[in-house]
């Protein structure tokens, strides 16, 4: 179950971070009424945290499985 959660966190963070960075690079046009400041906060702060969190959980799970195996 924890593996599933880690994969979901990593995927969620990755997809949103990439999408928001594409918006910041003007490769994707946001809606006309979009809050550009909120888009910047999500691109550079909030969404990358989900990616980092998921990666760290995956690393911890992998290390704990390696220790159990030995």
N, C-alpha and C. Protein backbone atom coordinates (compact mmCIF):
# COMPACT_ATOMS: atom_id res chain seq x y z
N UNK A 1 0.82 -1.19 0.00
CA UNK A 1 0.00 0.00 0.00
C UNK A 1 0.87 1.26 0.00
N UNK A 2 1.93 1.25 0.77
CA UNK A 2 2.80 2.42 0.82
C UNK A 2 3.51 2.64 -0.50
N UNK A 3 3.84 1.54 -1.20
CA UNK A 3 4.45 1.67 -2.52
C UNK A 3 3.50 2.39 -3.47
N UNK A 4 2.23 2.05 -3.40
CA UNK A 4 1.24 2.69 -4.26
C UNK A 4 1.15 4.18 -3.96
N UNK A 5 1.13 4.51 -2.70
CA UNK A 5 1.06 5.92 -2.30
C UNK A 5 2.30 6.68 -2.77
N UNK A 6 3.46 6.06 -2.66
CA UNK A 6 4.70 6.71 -3.09
C UNK A 6 4.70 6.94 -4.60
N UNK A 7 4.22 5.96 -5.35
CA UNK A 7 4.16 6.10 -6.81
C UNK A 7 3.16 7.20 -7.20
N UNK A 8 2.02 7.24 -6.52
CA UNK A 8 1.02 8.27 -6.80
C UNK A 8 1.58 9.65 -6.49
N UNK A 9 2.22 9.82 -5.35
CA UNK A 9 2.81 11.11 -4.99
C UNK A 9 3.85 11.55 -6.02
N UNK A 10 4.71 10.62 -6.41
CA UNK A 10 5.76 10.94 -7.37
C UNK A 10 5.16 11.31 -8.72
N UNK A 11 4.21 10.51 -9.18
CA UNK A 11 3.57 10.80 -10.47
C UNK A 11 2.81 12.12 -10.45
N UNK A 12 2.06 12.35 -9.39
CA UNK A 12 1.30 13.59 -9.24
C UNK A 12 2.24 14.79 -9.26
N UNK A 13 3.29 14.72 -8.46
CA UNK A 13 4.25 15.82 -8.41
C UNK A 13 4.96 16.04 -9.73
N UNK A 14 5.30 14.95 -10.40
CA UNK A 14 5.99 15.05 -11.68
C UNK A 14 5.10 15.69 -12.74
N UNK A 15 3.89 15.17 -12.89
CA UNK A 15 2.99 15.68 -13.92
C UNK A 15 2.65 17.15 -13.69
N UNK A 16 2.31 17.50 -12.46
CA UNK A 16 1.95 18.89 -12.18
C UNK A 16 3.14 19.83 -12.30
N UNK A 17 4.31 19.40 -11.85
CA UNK A 17 5.49 20.25 -11.96
C UNK A 17 5.83 20.50 -13.42
N UNK A 18 5.84 19.45 -14.23
CA UNK A 18 6.14 19.61 -15.65
C UNK A 18 5.11 20.51 -16.32
N UNK A 19 3.84 20.28 -16.04
CA UNK A 19 2.79 21.10 -16.65
C UNK A 19 2.93 22.57 -16.26
N UNK A 20 3.16 22.82 -14.99
CA UNK A 20 3.29 24.20 -14.53
C UNK A 20 4.54 24.86 -15.10
N UNK A 21 5.63 24.12 -15.21
CA UNK A 21 6.84 24.69 -15.81
C UNK A 21 6.64 24.98 -17.29
N UNK A 22 5.85 24.15 -17.98
CA UNK A 22 5.52 24.43 -19.37
C UNK A 22 4.67 25.70 -19.49
N UNK A 23 3.80 25.92 -18.53
CA UNK A 23 3.01 27.16 -18.51
C UNK A 23 3.95 28.35 -18.31
N UNK A 24 4.90 28.21 -17.40
CA UNK A 24 5.84 29.30 -17.14
C UNK A 24 6.73 29.59 -18.35
N UNK A 25 7.01 28.56 -19.15
CA UNK A 25 7.84 28.72 -20.35
C UNK A 25 7.00 29.14 -21.56
N UNK A 26 5.73 29.39 -21.37
CA UNK A 26 4.79 29.76 -22.43
C UNK A 26 4.61 28.69 -23.50
N UNK A 27 4.90 27.44 -23.15
CA UNK A 27 4.64 26.33 -24.07
C UNK A 27 3.18 25.91 -23.98
N UNK A 28 2.54 26.18 -22.85
CA UNK A 28 1.11 25.93 -22.64
C UNK A 28 0.50 27.25 -22.21
N UNK A 29 -0.61 27.60 -22.82
CA UNK A 29 -1.28 28.85 -22.47
C UNK A 29 -2.35 28.58 -21.41
N UNK A 30 -2.26 29.26 -20.27
CA UNK A 30 -3.29 29.08 -19.24
C UNK A 30 -4.59 29.78 -19.67
N UNK A 31 -5.65 29.48 -18.95
CA UNK A 31 -6.93 30.13 -19.21
C UNK A 31 -6.79 31.64 -19.00
N UNK A 32 -7.61 32.40 -19.65
CA UNK A 32 -7.53 33.87 -19.57
C UNK A 32 -7.73 34.37 -18.15
N UNK A 33 -8.54 33.68 -17.37
CA UNK A 33 -8.83 34.12 -16.00
C UNK A 33 -7.90 33.49 -14.96
N UNK A 34 -6.84 32.80 -15.41
CA UNK A 34 -5.93 32.12 -14.49
C UNK A 34 -5.17 33.11 -13.62
N UNK A 35 -4.93 32.71 -12.40
CA UNK A 35 -4.14 33.52 -11.46
C UNK A 35 -2.66 33.20 -11.71
N UNK A 36 -1.96 34.11 -12.35
CA UNK A 36 -0.57 33.85 -12.74
C UNK A 36 0.36 33.73 -11.54
N UNK A 37 0.07 34.46 -10.50
CA UNK A 37 0.90 34.34 -9.29
C UNK A 37 0.74 32.95 -8.67
N UNK A 38 -0.48 32.44 -8.64
CA UNK A 38 -0.72 31.09 -8.11
C UNK A 38 -0.03 30.04 -8.98
N UNK A 39 -0.05 30.25 -10.29
CA UNK A 39 0.63 29.32 -11.19
C UNK A 39 2.14 29.29 -10.92
N UNK A 40 2.72 30.45 -10.65
CA UNK A 40 4.15 30.51 -10.32
C UNK A 40 4.44 29.79 -9.01
N UNK A 41 3.62 30.02 -7.99
CA UNK A 41 3.81 29.35 -6.70
C UNK A 41 3.73 27.84 -6.86
N UNK A 42 2.77 27.38 -7.65
CA UNK A 42 2.65 25.93 -7.86
C UNK A 42 3.83 25.38 -8.64
N UNK A 43 4.29 26.10 -9.64
CA UNK A 43 5.40 25.62 -10.48
C UNK A 43 6.70 25.52 -9.71
N UNK A 44 6.97 26.50 -8.87
CA UNK A 44 8.28 26.59 -8.23
C UNK A 44 8.31 26.13 -6.78
N UNK A 45 7.16 25.95 -6.16
CA UNK A 45 7.17 25.57 -4.75
C UNK A 45 6.28 24.36 -4.45
N UNK A 46 4.99 24.49 -4.61
CA UNK A 46 4.08 23.46 -4.13
C UNK A 46 4.19 22.15 -4.87
N UNK A 47 4.09 22.17 -6.17
CA UNK A 47 4.09 20.92 -6.93
C UNK A 47 5.43 20.16 -6.86
N UNK A 48 6.57 20.86 -6.90
CA UNK A 48 7.83 20.12 -6.73
C UNK A 48 7.94 19.42 -5.37
N UNK A 49 7.29 19.97 -4.35
CA UNK A 49 7.33 19.31 -3.05
C UNK A 49 6.67 17.93 -3.08
N UNK A 50 5.59 17.79 -3.84
CA UNK A 50 4.96 16.47 -3.98
C UNK A 50 5.92 15.50 -4.67
N UNK A 51 6.63 15.99 -5.68
CA UNK A 51 7.60 15.16 -6.39
C UNK A 51 8.73 14.74 -5.45
N UNK A 52 9.28 15.68 -4.71
CA UNK A 52 10.37 15.37 -3.77
C UNK A 52 9.88 14.41 -2.69
N UNK A 53 8.71 14.65 -2.15
CA UNK A 53 8.13 13.80 -1.12
C UNK A 53 7.99 12.37 -1.63
N UNK A 54 7.44 12.22 -2.82
CA UNK A 54 7.27 10.88 -3.39
C UNK A 54 8.60 10.18 -3.63
N UNK A 55 9.58 10.90 -4.14
CA UNK A 55 10.91 10.32 -4.37
C UNK A 55 11.54 9.88 -3.06
N UNK A 56 11.44 10.70 -2.05
CA UNK A 56 12.02 10.34 -0.74
C UNK A 56 11.34 9.12 -0.14
N UNK A 57 10.03 9.02 -0.29
CA UNK A 57 9.33 7.83 0.22
C UNK A 57 9.77 6.60 -0.56
N UNK A 58 9.90 6.71 -1.89
CA UNK A 58 10.37 5.58 -2.69
C UNK A 58 11.77 5.14 -2.26
N UNK A 59 12.66 6.09 -2.01
CA UNK A 59 14.02 5.77 -1.56
C UNK A 59 13.98 5.06 -0.21
N UNK A 60 13.18 5.59 0.71
CA UNK A 60 13.08 4.98 2.04
C UNK A 60 12.53 3.56 1.94
N UNK A 61 11.52 3.36 1.11
CA UNK A 61 10.95 2.02 0.96
C UNK A 61 11.96 1.05 0.35
N UNK A 62 12.69 1.53 -0.62
CA UNK A 62 13.70 0.67 -1.25
C UNK A 62 14.79 0.29 -0.26
N UNK A 63 15.24 1.26 0.52
CA UNK A 63 16.28 0.98 1.52
C UNK A 63 15.77 0.04 2.60
N UNK A 64 14.53 0.21 3.02
CA UNK A 64 14.00 -0.67 4.06
C UNK A 64 13.84 -2.10 3.53
N UNK A 65 13.47 -2.26 2.27
CA UNK A 65 13.38 -3.59 1.67
C UNK A 65 14.76 -4.21 1.51
N UNK A 66 15.77 -3.42 1.20
CA UNK A 66 17.13 -3.93 1.06
C UNK A 66 17.66 -4.41 2.41
N UNK A 67 17.34 -3.69 3.48
CA UNK A 67 17.78 -4.09 4.82
C UNK A 67 17.09 -5.37 5.27
N UNK A 68 15.82 -5.50 4.92
CA UNK A 68 15.08 -6.70 5.30
C UNK A 68 15.65 -7.92 4.57
N UNK A 69 16.05 -7.73 3.31
CA UNK A 69 16.56 -8.82 2.50
C UNK A 69 17.91 -9.34 3.03
N UNK A 70 18.67 -8.46 3.62
CA UNK A 70 20.02 -8.85 4.11
C UNK A 70 19.92 -9.46 5.45
